[in-house]
């Protein structure tokens, strides 16, 4: 007696293979998207720490009680000509930072921006007397 379900095993194997293939493709897509998100987060964090480091470099040179925001003997590379509204730019290993320093009444404000590829992070530091306030 001949069996009538010849090839049914092939259909079953093809169906299981298709399900496994769809699962593998969705897992690959999720992994790829996760890697892209992780890379963006890493660059954003790197920009934050560049901005924070740049601000930490300039804070010891701040004179909160003087007429100008920077101490007279401060050695700062690449200052522009207006000491009341100073902008400092620097490039380190493909990444960069910008510092803007200005004085409003008795408050000195430092705007520090870290730049990594297309990602930026800006921190604002307010110095009032001997107090330092950080904010994003």
C-alpha atoms as a PDB file:
ATOM      1  CA  UNK A   1       0.000   0.000   0.000  1.00  0.00           C
ATOM      2  CA  UNK A   2       1.533   3.315  -1.058  1.00  0.00           C
ATOM      3  CA  UNK A   3       1.654   6.126   1.491  1.00  0.00           C
ATOM      4  CA  UNK A   4      -0.287   9.274   0.519  1.00  0.00           C
ATOM      5  CA  UNK A   5       1.666  11.796   2.591  1.00  0.00           C
ATOM      6  CA  UNK A   6       4.858  11.698   0.545  1.00  0.00           C
ATOM      7  CA  UNK A   7       6.741  14.997   0.892  1.00  0.00           C
ATOM      8  CA  UNK A   8       4.900  16.104   4.023  1.00  0.00           C
ATOM      9  CA  UNK A   9       8.199  15.934   5.939  1.00  0.00           C
ATOM     10  CA  UNK A  10       9.743  18.323   3.385  1.00  0.00           C
ATOM     11  CA  UNK A  11       6.925  20.842   3.888  1.00  0.00           C
ATOM     12  CA  UNK A  12       7.316  20.568   7.663  1.00  0.00           C
ATOM     13  CA  UNK A  13      11.105  21.067   7.442  1.00  0.00           C
ATOM     14  CA  UNK A  14      10.649  24.094   5.149  1.00  0.00           C
ATOM     15  CA  UNK A  15       8.094  25.614   7.515  1.00  0.00           C
ATOM     16  CA  UNK A  16      10.356  25.143  10.556  1.00  0.00           C
ATOM     17  CA  UNK A  17      13.326  26.525   8.591  1.00  0.00           C
ATOM     18  CA  UNK A  18      11.308  29.626   7.632  1.00  0.00           C
ATOM     19  CA  UNK A  19      10.323  30.222  11.269  1.00  0.00           C
ATOM     20  CA  UNK A  20      13.922  29.839  12.442  1.00  0.00           C
ATOM     21  CA  UNK A  21      15.104  32.172   9.652  1.00  0.00           C
ATOM     22  CA  UNK A  22      12.575  34.876  10.655  1.00  0.00           C
ATOM     23  CA  UNK A  23      13.660  34.571  14.281  1.00  0.00           C
ATOM     24  CA  UNK A  24      17.346  34.847  13.293  1.00  0.00           C
ATOM     25  CA  UNK A  25      16.736  37.935  11.123  1.00  0.00           C
ATOM     26  CA  UNK A  26      14.768  39.702  13.871  1.00  0.00           C
ATOM     27  CA  UNK A  27      17.490  38.874  16.409  1.00  0.00           C
ATOM     28  CA  UNK A  28      20.170  40.217  14.041  1.00  0.00           C
ATOM     29  CA  UNK A  29      18.175  43.412  13.473  1.00  0.00           C
ATOM     30  CA  UNK A  30      17.710  43.922  17.221  1.00  0.00           C
ATOM     31  CA  UNK A  31      21.445  43.394  17.827  1.00  0.00           C
ATOM     32  CA  UNK A  32      22.384  45.848  15.106  1.00  0.00           C
ATOM     33  CA  UNK A  33      20.018  48.507  16.440  1.00  0.00           C
ATOM     34  CA  UNK A  34      21.318  47.953  19.966  1.00  0.00           C
ATOM     35  CA  UNK A  35      24.916  48.422  18.793  1.00  0.00           C
ATOM     36  CA  UNK A  36      24.040  51.679  17.012  1.00  0.00           C
ATOM     37  CA  UNK A  37      22.272  52.970  20.130  1.00  0.00           C
ATOM     38  CA  UNK A  38      25.224  51.997  22.336  1.00  0.00           C
ATOM     39  CA  UNK A  39      27.657  53.796  20.007  1.00  0.00           C
ATOM     40  CA  UNK A  40      25.559  56.980  20.104  1.00  0.00           C
ATOM     41  CA  UNK A  41      25.330  56.819  23.904  1.00  0.00           C
ATOM     42  CA  UNK A  42      29.075  56.320  24.169  1.00  0.00           C
ATOM     43  CA  UNK A  43      29.804  59.371  21.999  1.00  0.00           C
ATOM     44  CA  UNK A  44      27.316  61.482  23.964  1.00  0.00           C
ATOM     45  CA  UNK A  45      29.042  60.469  27.205  1.00  0.00           C
ATOM     46  CA  UNK A  46      32.445  61.219  25.696  1.00  0.00           C
ATOM     47  CA  UNK A  47      31.222  64.706  24.693  1.00  0.00           C
ATOM     48  CA  UNK A  48      29.987  65.251  28.272  1.00  0.00           C
ATOM     49  CA  UNK A  49      33.368  64.357  29.775  1.00  0.00           C
ATOM     50  CA  UNK A  50      35.249  66.511  27.264  1.00  0.00           C
ATOM     51  CA  UNK A  51      33.026  69.469  28.227  1.00  0.00           C
ATOM     52  CA  UNK A  52      33.497  68.771  31.924  1.00  0.00           C
ATOM     53  CA  UNK A  53      37.288  68.410  31.575  1.00  0.00           C
ATOM     54  CA  UNK A  54      37.541  71.654  29.612  1.00  0.00           C
ATOM     55  CA  UNK A  55      35.594  73.481  32.313  1.00  0.00           C
ATOM     56  CA  UNK A  56      37.771  71.934  35.039  1.00  0.00           C
ATOM     57  CA  UNK A  57      40.861  73.215  33.211  1.00  0.00           C
ATOM     58  CA  UNK A  58      39.601  76.794  33.137  1.00  0.00           C
ATOM     59  CA  UNK A  59      38.048  77.092  36.631  1.00  0.00           C
ATOM     60  CA  UNK A  60      41.396  77.590  38.467  1.00  0.00           C
ATOM     61  CA  UNK A  61      42.089  80.552  36.153  1.00  0.00           C
ATOM     62  CA  UNK A  62      38.825  82.316  36.998  1.00  0.00           C
ATOM     63  CA  UNK A  63      38.917  85.484  39.080  1.00  0.00           C
ATOM     64  CA  UNK A  64      35.369  85.875  40.448  1.00  0.00           C
ATOM     65  CA  UNK A  65      36.173  89.110  42.290  1.00  0.00           C
ATOM     66  CA  UNK A  66      38.113  90.895  39.532  1.00  0.00           C
ATOM     67  CA  UNK A  67      36.808  93.081  36.728  1.00  0.00           C
ATOM     68  CA  UNK A  68      37.673  90.454  34.128  1.00  0.00           C
ATOM     69  CA  UNK A  69      36.628  86.801  34.331  1.00  0.00           C
ATOM     70  CA  UNK A  70      40.167  85.459  33.893  1.00  0.00           C
ATOM     71  CA  UNK A  71      43.165  86.063  36.127  1.00  0.00           C
ATOM     72  CA  UNK A  72      45.778  88.380  34.652  1.00  0.00           C
ATOM     73  CA  UNK A  73      48.521  85.762  34.646  1.00  0.00           C
ATOM     74  CA  UNK A  74      46.292  82.987  33.238  1.00  0.00           C
ATOM     75  CA  UNK A  75      47.944  81.219  30.345  1.00  0.00           C
ATOM     76  CA  UNK A  76      45.121  80.197  28.054  1.00  0.00           C
ATOM     77  CA  UNK A  77      45.752  79.150  24.492  1.00  0.00           C
ATOM     78  CA  UNK A  78      43.806  80.821  21.679  1.00  0.00           C
ATOM     79  CA  UNK A  79      41.878  83.551  23.497  1.00  0.00           C
ATOM     80  CA  UNK A  80      39.961  86.024  21.416  1.00  0.00           C
ATOM     81  CA  UNK A  81      40.415  89.751  21.942  1.00  0.00           C
ATOM     82  CA  UNK A  82      37.420  90.402  24.223  1.00  0.00           C
ATOM     83  CA  UNK A  83      38.276  89.233  27.752  1.00  0.00           C
ATOM     84  CA  UNK A  84      34.724  89.862  29.006  1.00  0.00           C
ATOM     85  CA  UNK A  85      33.286  87.430  26.488  1.00  0.00           C
ATOM     86  CA  UNK A  86      36.012  84.904  25.847  1.00  0.00           C
ATOM     87  CA  UNK A  87      35.755  81.897  23.577  1.00  0.00           C
ATOM     88  CA  UNK A  88      38.346  79.118  23.580  1.00  0.00           C
ATOM     89  CA  UNK A  89      38.405  76.361  21.001  1.00  0.00           C
ATOM     90  CA  UNK A  90      40.622  73.324  20.994  1.00  0.00           C
ATOM     91  CA  UNK A  91      40.826  70.128  19.010  1.00  0.00           C
ATOM     92  CA  UNK A  92      41.985  66.910  20.638  1.00  0.00           C
ATOM     93  CA  UNK A  93      42.242  63.710  18.657  1.00  0.00           C
ATOM     94  CA  UNK A  94      39.374  64.500  16.308  1.00  0.00           C
ATOM     95  CA  UNK A  95      37.164  65.698  19.165  1.00  0.00           C
ATOM     96  CA  UNK A  96      36.918  69.288  20.308  1.00  0.00           C
ATOM     97  CA  UNK A  97      35.608  71.619  22.944  1.00  0.00           C
ATOM     98  CA  UNK A  98      34.485  75.208  23.098  1.00  0.00           C
ATOM     99  CA  UNK A  99      34.557  77.363  26.215  1.00  0.00           C
ATOM    100  CA  UNK A 100      32.663  80.622  26.427  1.00  0.00           C
ATOM    101  CA  UNK A 101      33.319  82.740  29.485  1.00  0.00           C
ATOM    102  CA  UNK A 102      31.384  85.855  30.291  1.00  0.00           C
ATOM    103  CA  UNK A 103      30.565  87.957  33.294  1.00  0.00           C
ATOM    104  CA  UNK A 104      27.115  89.143  34.359  1.00  0.00           C
ATOM    105  CA  UNK A 105      27.180  91.451  37.381  1.00  0.00           C
ATOM    106  CA  UNK A 106      28.887  89.393  40.122  1.00  0.00           C
ATOM    107  CA  UNK A 107      28.365  86.100  38.367  1.00  0.00           C
ATOM    108  CA  UNK A 108      30.812  84.440  35.951  1.00  0.00           C
ATOM    109  CA  UNK A 109      29.267  81.972  33.533  1.00  0.00           C
ATOM    110  CA  UNK A 110      31.252  79.308  31.722  1.00  0.00           C
ATOM    111  CA  UNK A 111      29.572  77.553  28.819  1.00  0.00           C
ATOM    112  CA  UNK A 112      31.581  74.430  28.049  1.00  0.00           C
ATOM    113  CA  UNK A 113      30.663  72.345  25.014  1.00  0.00           C
ATOM    114  CA  UNK A 114      32.240  68.995  24.175  1.00  0.00           C
ATOM    115  CA  UNK A 115      32.006  67.849  20.551  1.00  0.00           C
ATOM    116  CA  UNK A 116      32.481  64.256  19.342  1.00  0.00           C
ATOM    117  CA  UNK A 117      31.635  63.666  15.683  1.00  0.00           C
ATOM    118  CA  UNK A 118      28.081  65.017  15.395  1.00  0.00           C
ATOM    119  CA  UNK A 119      27.298  64.711  19.113  1.00  0.00           C
ATOM    120  CA  UNK A 120      27.544  67.693  21.448  1.00  0.00           C
ATOM    121  CA  UNK A 121      27.030  68.200  25.146  1.00  0.00           C
ATOM    122  CA  UNK A 122      26.961  71.613  26.809  1.00  0.00           C
ATOM    123  CA  UNK A 123      27.490  72.295  30.501  1.00  0.00           C
ATOM    124  CA  UNK A 124      26.930  75.606  32.241  1.00  0.00           C
ATOM    125  CA  UNK A 125      29.002  76.551  35.241  1.00  0.00           C
ATOM    126  CA  UNK A 126      28.105  79.577  37.336  1.00  0.00           C
ATOM    127  CA  UNK A 127      30.681  81.004  39.703  1.00  0.00           C
ATOM    128  CA  UNK A 128      29.358  83.382  42.335  1.00  0.00           C
ATOM    129  CA  UNK A 129      32.009  84.362  44.863  1.00  0.00           C
ATOM    130  CA  UNK A 130      33.610  81.127  46.014  1.00  0.00           C
ATOM    131  CA  UNK A 131      30.615  78.949  45.067  1.00  0.00           C
ATOM    132  CA  UNK A 132      30.509  76.887  41.859  1.00  0.00           C
ATOM    133  CA  UNK A 133      27.231  75.615  40.417  1.00  0.00           C
ATOM    134  CA  UNK A 134      27.114  73.024  37.599  1.00  0.00           C
ATOM    135  CA  UNK A 135      24.114  72.422  35.353  1.00  0.00           C
ATOM    136  CA  UNK A 136      23.413  70.883  31.983  1.00  0.00           C
END
